[in-house]
Structure formats: structure tokens, C-alpha cells
PDB file of N, CA and C in Angstrom:
ATOM      1  N   MET A   1       0.814  -1.189   0.000  1.00  0.00           N
ATOM      2  CA  MET A   1       0.000   0.000   0.000  1.00  0.00           C
ATOM      3  C   MET A   1       0.862   1.259   0.000  1.00  0.00           C
ATOM      4  N   LEU A   2       2.003   1.192   0.639  1.00  0.00           N
ATOM      5  CA  LEU A   2       2.834   2.386   0.758  1.00  0.00           C
ATOM      6  C   LEU A   2       3.607   2.721  -0.511  1.00  0.00           C
ATOM      7  N   GLN A   3       3.705   1.743  -1.409  1.00  0.00           N
ATOM      8  CA  GLN A   3       4.439   1.993  -2.647  1.00  0.00           C
ATOM      9  C   GLN A   3       3.753   3.078  -3.450  1.00  0.00           C
ATOM     10  N   ASN A   4       4.542   3.943  -4.012  1.00  0.00           N
ATOM     11  CA  ASN A   4       4.061   5.007  -4.882  1.00  0.00           C
ATOM     12  C   ASN A   4       3.195   6.036  -4.167  1.00  0.00           C
ATOM     13  N   ILE A   5       3.384   6.182  -2.859  1.00  0.00           N
ATOM     14  CA  ILE A   5       2.742   7.270  -2.123  1.00  0.00           C
ATOM     15  C   ILE A   5       3.862   8.135  -1.547  1.00  0.00           C
ATOM     16  N   PRO A   6       4.291   9.151  -2.288  1.00  0.00           N
ATOM     17  CA  PRO A   6       5.318  10.032  -1.736  1.00  0.00           C
ATOM     18  C   PRO A   6       4.825  10.644  -0.425  1.00  0.00           C
ATOM     19  N   GLY A   7       5.632  10.555   0.601  1.00  0.00           N
ATOM     20  CA  GLY A   7       5.255  11.089   1.901  1.00  0.00           C
ATOM     21  C   GLY A   7       4.579  10.088   2.816  1.00  0.00           C
ATOM     22  N   ALA A   8       4.467   8.822   2.374  1.00  0.00           N
ATOM     23  CA  ALA A   8       3.878   7.800   3.242  1.00  0.00           C
ATOM     24  C   ALA A   8       4.803   7.563   4.429  1.00  0.00           C
ATOM     25  N   ILE A   9       4.250   7.586   5.615  1.00  0.00           N
ATOM     26  CA  ILE A   9       5.026   7.391   6.835  1.00  0.00           C
ATOM     27  C   ILE A   9       4.921   5.954   7.316  1.00  0.00           C
ATOM     28  N   GLY A  10       3.732   5.413   7.312  1.00  0.00           N
ATOM     29  CA  GLY A  10       3.560   4.041   7.771  1.00  0.00           C
ATOM     30  C   GLY A  10       2.121   3.595   7.697  1.00  0.00           C
ATOM     31  N   ALA A  11       1.922   2.312   7.891  1.00  0.00           N
ATOM     32  CA  ALA A  11       0.586   1.725   7.875  1.00  0.00           C
ATOM     33  C   ALA A  11       0.518   0.649   8.940  1.00  0.00           C
ATOM     34  N   VAL A  12      -0.677   0.480   9.473  1.00  0.00           N
ATOM     35  CA  VAL A  12      -0.871  -0.552  10.494  1.00  0.00           C
ATOM     36  C   VAL A  12      -2.263  -1.163  10.311  1.00  0.00           C
ATOM     37  N   PHE A  13      -2.314  -2.476  10.450  1.00  0.00           N
ATOM     38  CA  PHE A  13      -3.541  -3.266  10.357  1.00  0.00           C
ATOM     39  C   PHE A  13      -3.860  -3.703  11.776  1.00  0.00           C
ATOM     40  N   LEU A  14      -5.073  -3.386  12.266  1.00  0.00           N
ATOM     41  CA  LEU A  14      -5.405  -3.610  13.671  1.00  0.00           C
ATOM     42  C   LEU A  14      -6.686  -4.411  13.845  1.00  0.00           C
ATOM     43  N   ASP A  15      -6.781  -5.074  15.013  1.00  0.00           N
ATOM     44  CA  ASP A  15      -7.991  -5.824  15.337  1.00  0.00           C
ATOM     45  C   ASP A  15      -8.941  -4.949  16.156  1.00  0.00           C
ATOM     46  N   ARG A  16     -10.061  -5.512  16.558  1.00  0.00           N
ATOM     47  CA  ARG A  16     -11.096  -4.737  17.264  1.00  0.00           C
ATOM     48  C   ARG A  16     -10.642  -4.211  18.622  1.00  0.00           C
ATOM     49  N   GLU A  17      -9.600  -4.783  19.170  1.00  0.00           N
ATOM     50  CA  GLU A  17      -9.072  -4.333  20.463  1.00  0.00           C
ATOM     51  C   GLU A  17      -8.010  -3.249  20.314  1.00  0.00           C
ATOM     52  N   GLY A  18      -7.699  -2.875  19.083  1.00  0.00           N
ATOM     53  CA  GLY A  18      -6.663  -1.875  18.841  1.00  0.00           C
ATOM     54  C   GLY A  18      -5.262  -2.441  18.847  1.00  0.00           C
ATOM     55  N   GLU A  19      -5.159  -3.774  18.822  1.00  0.00           N
ATOM     56  CA  GLU A  19      -3.848  -4.428  18.776  1.00  0.00           C
ATOM     57  C   GLU A  19      -3.419  -4.568  17.321  1.00  0.00           C
ATOM     58  N   SER A  20      -2.167  -4.252  17.054  1.00  0.00           N
ATOM     59  CA  SER A  20      -1.694  -4.338  15.674  1.00  0.00           C
ATOM     60  C   SER A  20      -1.492  -5.793  15.265  1.00  0.00           C
ATOM     61  N   VAL A  21      -1.974  -6.102  14.081  1.00  0.00           N
ATOM     62  CA  VAL A  21      -1.789  -7.416  13.486  1.00  0.00           C
ATOM     63  C   VAL A  21      -0.514  -7.389  12.650  1.00  0.00           C
ATOM     64  N   ASP A  22      -0.310  -6.278  11.956  1.00  0.00           N
ATOM     65  CA  ASP A  22       0.880  -6.102  11.132  1.00  0.00           C
ATOM     66  C   ASP A  22       1.087  -4.608  10.931  1.00  0.00           C
ATOM     67  N   LEU A  23       2.338  -4.214  10.702  1.00  0.00           N
ATOM     68  CA  LEU A  23       2.614  -2.799  10.456  1.00  0.00           C
ATOM     69  C   LEU A  23       3.882  -2.651   9.651  1.00  0.00           C
ATOM     70  N   PHE A  24       4.010  -1.465   9.063  1.00  0.00           N
ATOM     71  CA  PHE A  24       5.223  -1.125   8.334  1.00  0.00           C
ATOM     72  C   PHE A  24       5.434   0.372   8.442  1.00  0.00           C
ATOM     73  N   ALA A  25       6.630   0.787   8.824  1.00  0.00           N
ATOM     74  CA  ALA A  25       6.982   2.203   8.907  1.00  0.00           C
ATOM     75  C   ALA A  25       8.163   2.466   7.986  1.00  0.00           C
ATOM     76  N   GLU A  26       8.091   3.562   7.254  1.00  0.00           N
ATOM     77  CA  GLU A  26       9.196   3.969   6.389  1.00  0.00           C
ATOM     78  C   GLU A  26      10.365   4.433   7.259  1.00  0.00           C
ATOM     79  N   ASP A  27      11.559   4.052   6.886  1.00  0.00           N
ATOM     80  CA  ASP A  27      12.749   4.396   7.659  1.00  0.00           C
ATOM     81  C   ASP A  27      13.099   5.880   7.613  1.00  0.00           C
ATOM     82  N   VAL A  28      12.680   6.579   6.553  1.00  0.00           N
ATOM     83  CA  VAL A  28      13.077   7.980   6.403  1.00  0.00           C
ATOM     84  C   VAL A  28      12.372   8.893   7.398  1.00  0.00           C
ATOM     85  N   PHE A  29      11.271   8.427   7.964  1.00  0.00           N
ATOM     86  CA  PHE A  29      10.552   9.207   8.962  1.00  0.00           C
ATOM     87  C   PHE A  29      10.879   8.639  10.339  1.00  0.00           C
ATOM     88  N   GLU A  30      10.978   9.511  11.292  1.00  0.00           N
ATOM     89  CA  GLU A  30      11.368   9.057  12.623  1.00  0.00           C
ATOM     90  C   GLU A  30      10.137   8.703  13.446  1.00  0.00           C
ATOM     91  N   ILE A  31       9.504   7.589  13.096  1.00  0.00           N
ATOM     92  CA  ILE A  31       8.407   7.070  13.898  1.00  0.00           C
ATOM     93  C   ILE A  31       8.743   5.619  14.224  1.00  0.00           C
ATOM     94  N   SER A  32       8.644   5.292  15.462  1.00  0.00           N
ATOM     95  CA  SER A  32       8.945   3.922  15.879  1.00  0.00           C
ATOM     96  C   SER A  32       7.742   3.034  15.622  1.00  0.00           C
ATOM     97  N   ASP A  33       7.971   1.738  15.654  1.00  0.00           N
ATOM     98  CA  ASP A  33       6.851   0.802  15.530  1.00  0.00           C
ATOM     99  C   ASP A  33       5.839   1.032  16.648  1.00  0.00           C
ATOM    100  N   ASP A  34       6.335   1.307  17.861  1.00  0.00           N
ATOM    101  CA  ASP A  34       5.432   1.573  18.982  1.00  0.00           C
ATOM    102  C   ASP A  34       4.625   2.846  18.751  1.00  0.00           C
ATOM    103  N   GLY A  35       5.258   3.841  18.180  1.00  0.00           N
ATOM    104  CA  GLY A  35       4.543   5.079  17.866  1.00  0.00           C
ATOM    105  C   GLY A  35       3.441   4.852  16.849  1.00  0.00           C
ATOM    106  N   LEU A  36       3.747   4.050  15.844  1.00  0.00           N
ATOM    107  CA  LEU A  36       2.745   3.736  14.824  1.00  0.00           C
ATOM    108  C   LEU A  36       1.613   2.899  15.419  1.00  0.00           C
ATOM    109  N   ARG A  37       1.955   1.971  16.304  1.00  0.00           N
ATOM    110  CA  ARG A  37       0.923   1.178  16.998  1.00  0.00           C
ATOM    111  C   ARG A  37      -0.001   2.093  17.816  1.00  0.00           C
ATOM    112  N   ALA A  38       0.588   3.078  18.490  1.00  0.00           N
ATOM    113  CA  ALA A  38      -0.211   4.011  19.299  1.00  0.00           C
ATOM    114  C   ALA A  38      -1.149   4.838  18.420  1.00  0.00           C
ATOM    115  N   VAL A  39      -0.648   5.322  17.304  1.00  0.00           N
ATOM    116  CA  VAL A  39      -1.505   6.071  16.373  1.00  0.00           C
ATOM    117  C   VAL A  39      -2.663   5.186  15.927  1.00  0.00           C
ATOM    118  N   GLY A  40      -2.366   3.943  15.601  1.00  0.00           N
ATOM    119  CA  GLY A  40      -3.415   3.014  15.182  1.00  0.00           C
ATOM    120  C   GLY A  40      -4.438   2.755  16.270  1.00  0.00           C
ATOM    121  N   ALA A  41      -3.972   2.545  17.492  1.00  0.00           N
ATOM    122  CA  ALA A  41      -4.886   2.263  18.601  1.00  0.00           C
ATOM    123  C   ALA A  41      -5.785   3.466  18.893  1.00  0.00           C
ATOM    124  N   TYR A  42      -5.219   4.660  18.923  1.00  0.00           N
ATOM    125  CA  TYR A  42      -6.037   5.849  19.181  1.00  0.00           C
ATOM    126  C   TYR A  42      -7.002   6.124  18.029  1.00  0.00           C
ATOM    127  N   THR A  43      -6.587   5.820  16.821  1.00  0.00           N
ATOM    128  CA  THR A  43      -7.508   5.959  15.693  1.00  0.00           C
ATOM    129  C   THR A  43      -8.696   5.026  15.880  1.00  0.00           C
ATOM    130  N   GLY A  44      -8.452   3.846  16.428  1.00  0.00           N
ATOM    131  CA  GLY A  44      -9.535   2.909  16.712  1.00  0.00           C
ATOM    132  C   GLY A  44     -10.538   3.485  17.699  1.00  0.00           C
ATOM    133  N   ILE A  45     -10.064   4.250  18.671  1.00  0.00           N
ATOM    134  CA  ILE A  45     -10.972   4.903  19.629  1.00  0.00           C
ATOM    135  C   ILE A  45     -11.846   5.919  18.902  1.00  0.00           C
ATOM    136  N   PHE A  46     -11.233   6.706  18.026  1.00  0.00           N
ATOM    137  CA  PHE A  46     -12.013   7.672  17.248  1.00  0.00           C
ATOM    138  C   PHE A  46     -13.038   6.953  16.373  1.00  0.00           C
ATOM    139  N   LEU A  47     -12.615   5.877  15.713  1.00  0.00           N
ATOM    140  CA  LEU A  47     -13.537   5.116  14.869  1.00  0.00           C
ATOM    141  C   LEU A  47     -14.711   4.561  15.673  1.00  0.00           C
ATOM    142  N   SER A  48     -14.444   4.069  16.865  1.00  0.00           N
ATOM    143  CA  SER A  48     -15.518   3.550  17.718  1.00  0.00           C
ATOM    144  C   SER A  48     -16.529   4.641  18.048  1.00  0.00           C
ATOM    145  N   ASN A  49     -16.035   5.820  18.365  1.00  0.00           N
ATOM    146  CA  ASN A  49     -16.930   6.939  18.661  1.00  0.00           C
ATOM    147  C   ASN A  49     -17.743   7.348  17.437  1.00  0.00           C
ATOM    148  N   VAL A  50     -17.106   7.367  16.282  1.00  0.00           N
ATOM    149  CA  VAL A  50     -17.823   7.704  15.044  1.00  0.00           C
ATOM    150  C   VAL A  50     -18.870   6.640  14.737  1.00  0.00           C
ATOM    151  N   ARG A  51     -18.531   5.369  14.937  1.00  0.00           N
ATOM    152  CA  ARG A  51     -19.506   4.286  14.713  1.00  0.00           C
ATOM    153  C   ARG A  51     -20.746   4.476  15.580  1.00  0.00           C
ATOM    154  N   ARG A  52     -20.519   4.756  16.864  1.00  0.00           N
ATOM    155  CA  ARG A  52     -21.650   4.947  17.794  1.00  0.00           C
ATOM    156  C   ARG A  52     -22.499   6.147  17.384  1.00  0.00           C
ATOM    157  N   ALA A  53     -21.859   7.235  17.002  1.00  0.00           N
ATOM    158  CA  ALA A  53     -22.603   8.428  16.574  1.00  0.00           C
ATOM    159  C   ALA A  53     -23.416   8.129  15.316  1.00  0.00           C
ATOM    160  N   CYS A  54     -22.826   7.398  14.381  1.00  0.00           N
ATOM    161  CA  CYS A  54     -23.531   7.043  13.145  1.00  0.00           C
ATOM    162  C   CYS A  54     -24.727   6.137  13.425  1.00  0.00           C
ATOM    163  N   GLU A  55     -24.573   5.228  14.382  1.00  0.00           N
ATOM    164  CA  GLU A  55     -25.694   4.364  14.763  1.00  0.00           C
ATOM    165  C   GLU A  55     -26.834   5.188  15.345  1.00  0.00           C
ATOM    166  N   ARG A  56     -26.492   6.152  16.211  1.00  0.00           N
ATOM    167  CA  ARG A  56     -27.525   6.979  16.852  1.00  0.00           C
ATOM    168  C   ARG A  56     -28.325   7.793  15.844  1.00  0.00           C
ATOM    169  N   ILE A  57     -27.674   8.252  14.791  1.00  0.00           N
ATOM    170  CA  ILE A  57     -28.388   9.084  13.810  1.00  0.00           C
ATOM    171  C   ILE A  57     -28.797   8.287  12.568  1.00  0.00           C
ATOM    172  N   HIS A  58     -28.620   6.965  12.620  1.00  0.00           N
ATOM    173  CA  HIS A  58     -29.009   6.071  11.528  1.00  0.00           C
ATOM    174  C   HIS A  58     -28.357   6.467  10.196  1.00  0.00           C
ATOM    175  N   ALA A  59     -27.066   6.782  10.266  1.00  0.00           N
ATOM    176  CA  ALA A  59     -26.324   7.208   9.074  1.00  0.00           C
ATOM    177  C   ALA A  59     -25.694   6.043   8.329  1.00  0.00           C
ATOM    178  N   GLY A  60     -25.731   4.865   8.910  1.00  0.00           N
ATOM    179  CA  GLY A  60     -25.033   3.730   8.314  1.00  0.00           C
ATOM    180  C   GLY A  60     -23.629   3.638   8.881  1.00  0.00           C
ATOM    181  N   ALA A  61     -22.950   2.593   8.519  1.00  0.00           N
ATOM    182  CA  ALA A  61     -21.604   2.353   9.045  1.00  0.00           C
ATOM    183  C   ALA A  61     -20.582   3.248   8.347  1.00  0.00           C
ATOM    184  N   PRO A  62     -19.692   3.865   9.120  1.00  0.00           N
ATOM    185  CA  PRO A  62     -18.620   4.656   8.494  1.00  0.00           C
ATOM    186  C   PRO A  62     -17.629   3.714   7.816  1.00  0.00           C
ATOM    187  N   ARG A  63     -17.082   4.162   6.705  1.00  0.00           N
ATOM    188  CA  ARG A  63     -16.104   3.341   6.003  1.00  0.00           C
ATOM    189  C   ARG A  63     -14.705   3.913   6.108  1.00  0.00           C
ATOM    190  N   GLU A  64     -14.603   5.233   6.198  1.00  0.00           N
ATOM    191  CA  GLU A  64     -13.291   5.879   6.255  1.00  0.00           C
ATOM    192  C   GLU A  64     -13.336   7.056   7.218  1.00  0.00           C
ATOM    193  N   LEU A  65     -12.171   7.361   7.786  1.00  0.00           N
ATOM    194  CA  LEU A  65     -12.034   8.503   8.679  1.00  0.00           C
ATOM    195  C   LEU A  65     -10.679   9.144   8.390  1.00  0.00           C
ATOM    196  N   THR A  66     -10.667  10.456   8.261  1.00  0.00           N
ATOM    197  CA  THR A  66      -9.431  11.202   8.039  1.00  0.00           C
ATOM    198  C   THR A  66      -9.249  12.193   9.176  1.00  0.00           C
ATOM    199  N   ILE A  67      -8.046  12.206   9.741  1.00  0.00           N
ATOM    200  CA  ILE A  67      -7.716  13.145  10.806  1.00  0.00           C
ATOM    201  C   ILE A  67      -6.468  13.905  10.367  1.00  0.00           C
ATOM    202  N   ASP A  68      -6.586  15.233  10.282  1.00  0.00           N
ATOM    203  CA  ASP A  68      -5.460  16.074   9.877  1.00  0.00           C
ATOM    204  C   ASP A  68      -4.759  16.645  11.105  1.00  0.00           C
ATOM    205  N   PHE A  69      -3.440  16.561  11.101  1.00  0.00           N
ATOM    206  CA  PHE A  69      -2.613  17.134  12.151  1.00  0.00           C
ATOM    207  C   PHE A  69      -1.670  18.151  11.501  1.00  0.00           C
ATOM    208  N   ASP A  70      -0.909  18.858  12.311  1.00  0.00           N
ATOM    209  CA  ASP A  70       0.011  19.854  11.770  1.00  0.00           C
ATOM    210  C   ASP A  70       1.008  19.251  10.791  1.00  0.00           C
ATOM    211  N   ASN A  71       1.543  18.060  11.121  1.00  0.00           N
ATOM    212  CA  ASN A  71       2.613  17.481  10.312  1.00  0.00           C
ATOM    213  C   ASN A  71       2.265  16.180   9.620  1.00  0.00           C
ATOM    214  N   ALA A  72       1.050  15.702   9.796  1.00  0.00           N
ATOM    215  CA  ALA A  72       0.674  14.414   9.202  1.00  0.00           C
ATOM    216  C   ALA A  72      -0.837  14.323   9.053  1.00  0.00           C
ATOM    217  N   THR A  73      -1.243  13.393   8.224  1.00  0.00           N
ATOM    218  CA  THR A  73      -2.653  13.061   8.059  1.00  0.00           C
ATOM    219  C   THR A  73      -2.795  11.570   8.320  1.00  0.00           C
ATOM    220  N   VAL A  74      -3.807  11.216   9.112  1.00  0.00           N
ATOM    221  CA  VAL A  74      -4.086   9.820   9.430  1.00  0.00           C
ATOM    222  C   VAL A  74      -5.362   9.433   8.699  1.00  0.00           C
ATOM    223  N   LEU A  75      -5.240   8.453   7.826  1.00  0.00           N
ATOM    224  CA  LEU A  75      -6.375   7.941   7.059  1.00  0.00           C
ATOM    225  C   LEU A  75      -6.692   6.554   7.586  1.00  0.00           C
ATOM    226  N   SER A  76      -7.952   6.260   7.775  1.00  0.00           N
ATOM    227  CA  SER A  76      -8.298   4.930   8.262  1.00  0.00           C
ATOM    228  C   SER A  76      -9.503   4.394   7.524  1.00  0.00           C
ATOM    229  N   ALA A  77      -9.538   3.077   7.403  1.00  0.00           N
ATOM    230  CA  ALA A  77     -10.633   2.390   6.730  1.00  0.00           C
ATOM    231  C   ALA A  77     -11.129   1.265   7.617  1.00  0.00           C
ATOM    232  N   ASP A  78     -12.432   1.226   7.817  1.00  0.00           N
ATOM    233  CA  ASP A  78     -13.064   0.157   8.570  1.00  0.00           C
ATOM    234  C   ASP A  78     -13.119  -1.074   7.681  1.00  0.00           C
ATOM    235  N   LEU A  79     -12.850  -2.221   8.242  1.00  0.00           N
ATOM    236  CA  LEU A  79     -12.925  -3.461   7.481  1.00  0.00           C
ATOM    237  C   LEU A  79     -14.175  -4.210   7.938  1.00  0.00           C
ATOM    238  N   LYS A  80     -14.027  -5.358   8.556  1.00  0.00           N
ATOM    239  CA  LYS A  80     -15.178  -6.059   9.124  1.00  0.00           C
ATOM    240  C   LYS A  80     -14.740  -6.766  10.391  1.00  0.00           C
ATOM    241  N   GLU A  81     -15.735  -7.134  11.194  1.00  0.00           N
ATOM    242  CA  GLU A  81     -15.479  -7.811  12.459  1.00  0.00           C
ATOM    243  C   GLU A  81     -14.549  -7.009  13.371  1.00  0.00           C
ATOM    244  N   GLY A  82     -14.625  -5.676  13.259  1.00  0.00           N
ATOM    245  CA  GLY A  82     -13.826  -4.810  14.117  1.00  0.00           C
ATOM    246  C   GLY A  82     -12.431  -4.507  13.625  1.00  0.00           C
ATOM    247  N   TYR A  83     -11.993  -5.150  12.572  1.00  0.00           N
ATOM    248  CA  TYR A  83     -10.663  -4.880  12.024  1.00  0.00           C
ATOM    249  C   TYR A  83     -10.675  -3.548  11.276  1.00  0.00           C
ATOM    250  N   TYR A  84      -9.533  -2.886  11.273  1.00  0.00           N
ATOM    251  CA  TYR A  84      -9.414  -1.633  10.534  1.00  0.00           C
ATOM    252  C   TYR A  84      -7.968  -1.416  10.112  1.00  0.00           C
ATOM    253  N   LEU A  85      -7.804  -0.513   9.181  1.00  0.00           N
ATOM    254  CA  LEU A  85      -6.517  -0.232   8.568  1.00  0.00           C
ATOM    255  C   LEU A  85      -6.222   1.248   8.718  1.00  0.00           C
ATOM    256  N   VAL A  86      -4.982   1.585   9.076  1.00  0.00           N
ATOM    257  CA  VAL A  86      -4.579   2.978   9.260  1.00  0.00           C
ATOM    258  C   VAL A  86      -3.365   3.263   8.380  1.00  0.00           C
ATOM    259  N   LEU A  87      -3.423   4.380   7.679  1.00  0.00           N
ATOM    260  CA  LEU A  87      -2.319   4.852   6.851  1.00  0.00           C
ATOM    261  C   LEU A  87      -1.960   6.256   7.317  1.00  0.00           C
ATOM    262  N   VAL A  88      -0.677   6.483   7.584  1.00  0.00           N
ATOM    263  CA  VAL A  88      -0.207   7.797   8.019  1.00  0.00           C
ATOM    264  C   VAL A  88       0.672   8.369   6.920  1.00  0.00           C
ATOM    265  N   VAL A  89       0.353   9.600   6.505  1.00  0.00           N
ATOM    266  CA  VAL A  89       1.146  10.275   5.477  1.00  0.00           C
ATOM    267  C   VAL A  89       1.575  11.640   5.993  1.00  0.00           C
ATOM    268  N   ALA A  90       2.701  12.106   5.496  1.00  0.00           N
ATOM    269  CA  ALA A  90       3.203  13.419   5.883  1.00  0.00           C
ATOM    270  C   ALA A  90       2.287  14.510   5.341  1.00  0.00           C
ATOM    271  N   ARG A  91       2.244  15.605   6.060  1.00  0.00           N
ATOM    272  CA  ARG A  91       1.467  16.759   5.610  1.00  0.00           C
ATOM    273  C   ARG A  91       1.976  17.153   4.232  1.00  0.00           C
ATOM    274  N   GLY A  92       1.094  17.415   3.316  1.00  0.00           N
ATOM    275  CA  GLY A  92       1.478  17.795   1.968  1.00  0.00           C
ATOM    276  C   GLY A  92       1.541  16.631   0.996  1.00  0.00           C
ATOM    277  N   ALA A  93       1.412  15.412   1.499  1.00  0.00           N
ATOM    278  CA  ALA A  93       1.377  14.245   0.609  1.00  0.00           C
ATOM    279  C   ALA A  93       0.101  14.313  -0.227  1.00  0.00           C
ATOM    280  N   ASN A  94       0.125  13.673  -1.357  1.00  0.00           N
ATOM    281  CA  ASN A  94      -1.051  13.649  -2.221  1.00  0.00           C
ATOM    282  C   ASN A  94      -2.118  12.766  -1.578  1.00  0.00           C
ATOM    283  N   GLU A  95      -3.086  13.401  -0.954  1.00  0.00           N
ATOM    284  CA  GLU A  95      -4.099  12.671  -0.202  1.00  0.00           C
ATOM    285  C   GLU A  95      -4.983  11.820  -1.112  1.00  0.00           C
ATOM    286  N   ALA A  96      -5.236  12.282  -2.316  1.00  0.00           N
ATOM    287  CA  ALA A  96      -6.069  11.503  -3.242  1.00  0.00           C
ATOM    288  C   ALA A  96      -5.401  10.168  -3.579  1.00  0.00           C
ATOM    289  N   VAL A  97      -4.103  10.195  -3.803  1.00  0.00           N
ATOM    290  CA  VAL A  97      -3.367   8.964  -4.086  1.00  0.00           C
ATOM    291  C   VAL A  97      -3.382   8.068  -2.847  1.00  0.00           C
ATOM    292  N   ALA A  98      -3.167   8.653  -1.678  1.00  0.00           N
ATOM    293  CA  ALA A  98      -3.152   7.874  -0.435  1.00  0.00           C
ATOM    294  C   ALA A  98      -4.510   7.212  -0.191  1.00  0.00           C
ATOM    295  N   VAL A  99      -5.591   7.948  -0.396  1.00  0.00           N
ATOM    296  CA  VAL A  99      -6.936   7.384  -0.201  1.00  0.00           C
ATOM    297  C   VAL A  99      -7.190   6.267  -1.207  1.00  0.00           C
ATOM    298  N   ASP A 100      -6.764   6.459  -2.436  1.00  0.00           N
ATOM    299  CA  ASP A 100      -6.933   5.420  -3.454  1.00  0.00           C
ATOM    300  C   ASP A 100      -6.208   4.141  -3.053  1.00  0.00           C
ATOM    301  N   ARG A 101      -4.966   4.255  -2.578  1.00  0.00           N
ATOM    302  CA  ARG A 101      -4.195   3.074  -2.155  1.00  0.00           C
ATOM    303  C   ARG A 101      -4.830   2.409  -0.936  1.00  0.00           C
ATOM    304  N   LEU A 102      -5.325   3.234  -0.002  1.00  0.00           N
ATOM    305  CA  LEU A 102      -5.988   2.702   1.182  1.00  0.00           C
ATOM    306  C   LEU A 102      -7.228   1.906   0.774  1.00  0.00           C
ATOM    307  N   ARG A 103      -8.015   2.446  -0.129  1.00  0.00           N
ATOM    308  CA  ARG A 103      -9.229   1.756  -0.577  1.00  0.00           C
ATOM    309  C   ARG A 103      -8.898   0.452  -1.290  1.00  0.00           C
ATOM    310  N   ARG A 104      -7.874   0.471  -2.112  1.00  0.00           N
ATOM    311  CA  ARG A 104      -7.480  -0.758  -2.817  1.00  0.00           C
ATOM    312  C   ARG A 104      -7.027  -1.829  -1.835  1.00  0.00           C
ATOM    313  N   CYS A 105      -6.247  -1.413  -0.850  1.00  0.00           N
ATOM    314  CA  CYS A 105      -5.779  -2.359   0.164  1.00  0.00           C
ATOM    315  C   CYS A 105      -6.966  -2.886   0.964  1.00  0.00           C
ATOM    316  N   ARG A 106      -7.880  -1.990   1.343  1.00  0.00           N
ATOM    317  CA  ARG A 106      -9.090  -2.426   2.072  1.00  0.00           C
ATOM    318  C   ARG A 106      -9.861  -3.457   1.271  1.00  0.00           C
ATOM    319  N   ASP A 107     -10.043  -3.219  -0.011  1.00  0.00           N
ATOM    320  CA  ASP A 107     -10.794  -4.158  -0.850  1.00  0.00           C
ATOM    321  C   ASP A 107     -10.115  -5.524  -0.897  1.00  0.00           C
ATOM    322  N   ARG A 108      -8.778  -5.543  -0.992  1.00  0.00           N
ATOM    323  CA  ARG A 108      -8.052  -6.812  -0.990  1.00  0.00           C
ATOM    324  C   ARG A 108      -8.188  -7.524   0.344  1.00  0.00           C
ATOM    325  N   LEU A 109      -8.047  -6.792   1.425  1.00  0.00           N
ATOM    326  CA  LEU A 109      -8.153  -7.391   2.757  1.00  0.00           C
ATOM    327  C   LEU A 109      -9.555  -7.941   3.019  1.00  0.00           C
ATOM    328  N   LEU A 110     -10.570  -7.269   2.523  1.00  0.00           N
ATOM    329  CA  LEU A 110     -11.935  -7.729   2.743  1.00  0.00           C
ATOM    330  C   LEU A 110     -12.189  -9.101   2.100  1.00  0.00           C
ATOM    331  N   THR A 111     -11.448  -9.420   1.053  1.00  0.00           N
ATOM    332  CA  THR A 111     -11.615 -10.734   0.432  1.00  0.00           C
ATOM    333  C   THR A 111     -10.888 -11.812   1.223  1.00  0.00           C
ATOM    334  N   GLU A 112      -9.952 -11.400   2.115  1.00  0.00           N
ATOM    335  CA  GLU A 112      -9.141 -12.367   2.853  1.00  0.00           C
ATOM    336  C   GLU A 112      -9.584 -12.584   4.290  1.00  0.00           C
ATOM    337  N   ILE A 113     -10.335 -11.651   4.857  1.00  0.00           N
ATOM    338  CA  ILE A 113     -10.738 -11.825   6.267  1.00  0.00           C
ATOM    339  C   ILE A 113     -12.234 -12.076   6.373  1.00  0.00           C
TER     340      ILE A 113
END
């Protein structure tokens, strides 16, 4: 998923408990595996809150969530059975390309889990 995304920092695949199943961080950015795991786990908390809010207003299940920070953007995609995928890109990265790669990866993972 990270290939051909200039500014990609890392990605993490997580279960419903916020535990990482697999992850990859680019060496050029100074983020540790633990740091990426933490970003993924906290993103899961945000996703849980968004899911509950969507249920209350009968909006349907959320599929993606984007959180912008000063130096990075966190993109996440809900999978199934509580699993989700998080992609972190540097501020200024081509977000359209990143979202496209995230969606493609989500579609592949959905056929496997």
C-alpha cells in the first residue's frame, strides 16, 4: 500500500481491540513501531466513537475517517469484524493517491478476512 505514495510514513492493520496485526513504517521518517501502533490504537478509539454516533443518527456504518494534524494526516478504513486499517502520510502528501491506495488495500483485505 505504501508503494508510490510520496510522503507515506507508515501503515498498520489492527484488530477490534486496537492491537496491531501487522505494520510497516518507512525508515526515512522518525516514527517507531510503537509510535505507529499508538496512532493506530487511538484511531480505533475515534472510529468507535464515530460508529456509535452514526448508529444513533441512523447514518449507516462509516467506512473511512481522516484526521489532519500539523505534520501528518491519518487515514483509516473500517474493514469487518472490528478490524481496521490505518495509513499515516506526511502533511502535503497527495491525499487523493493515499486514499486510493488505502481503498485498494481495504478491498483486498476484505476478500481475505
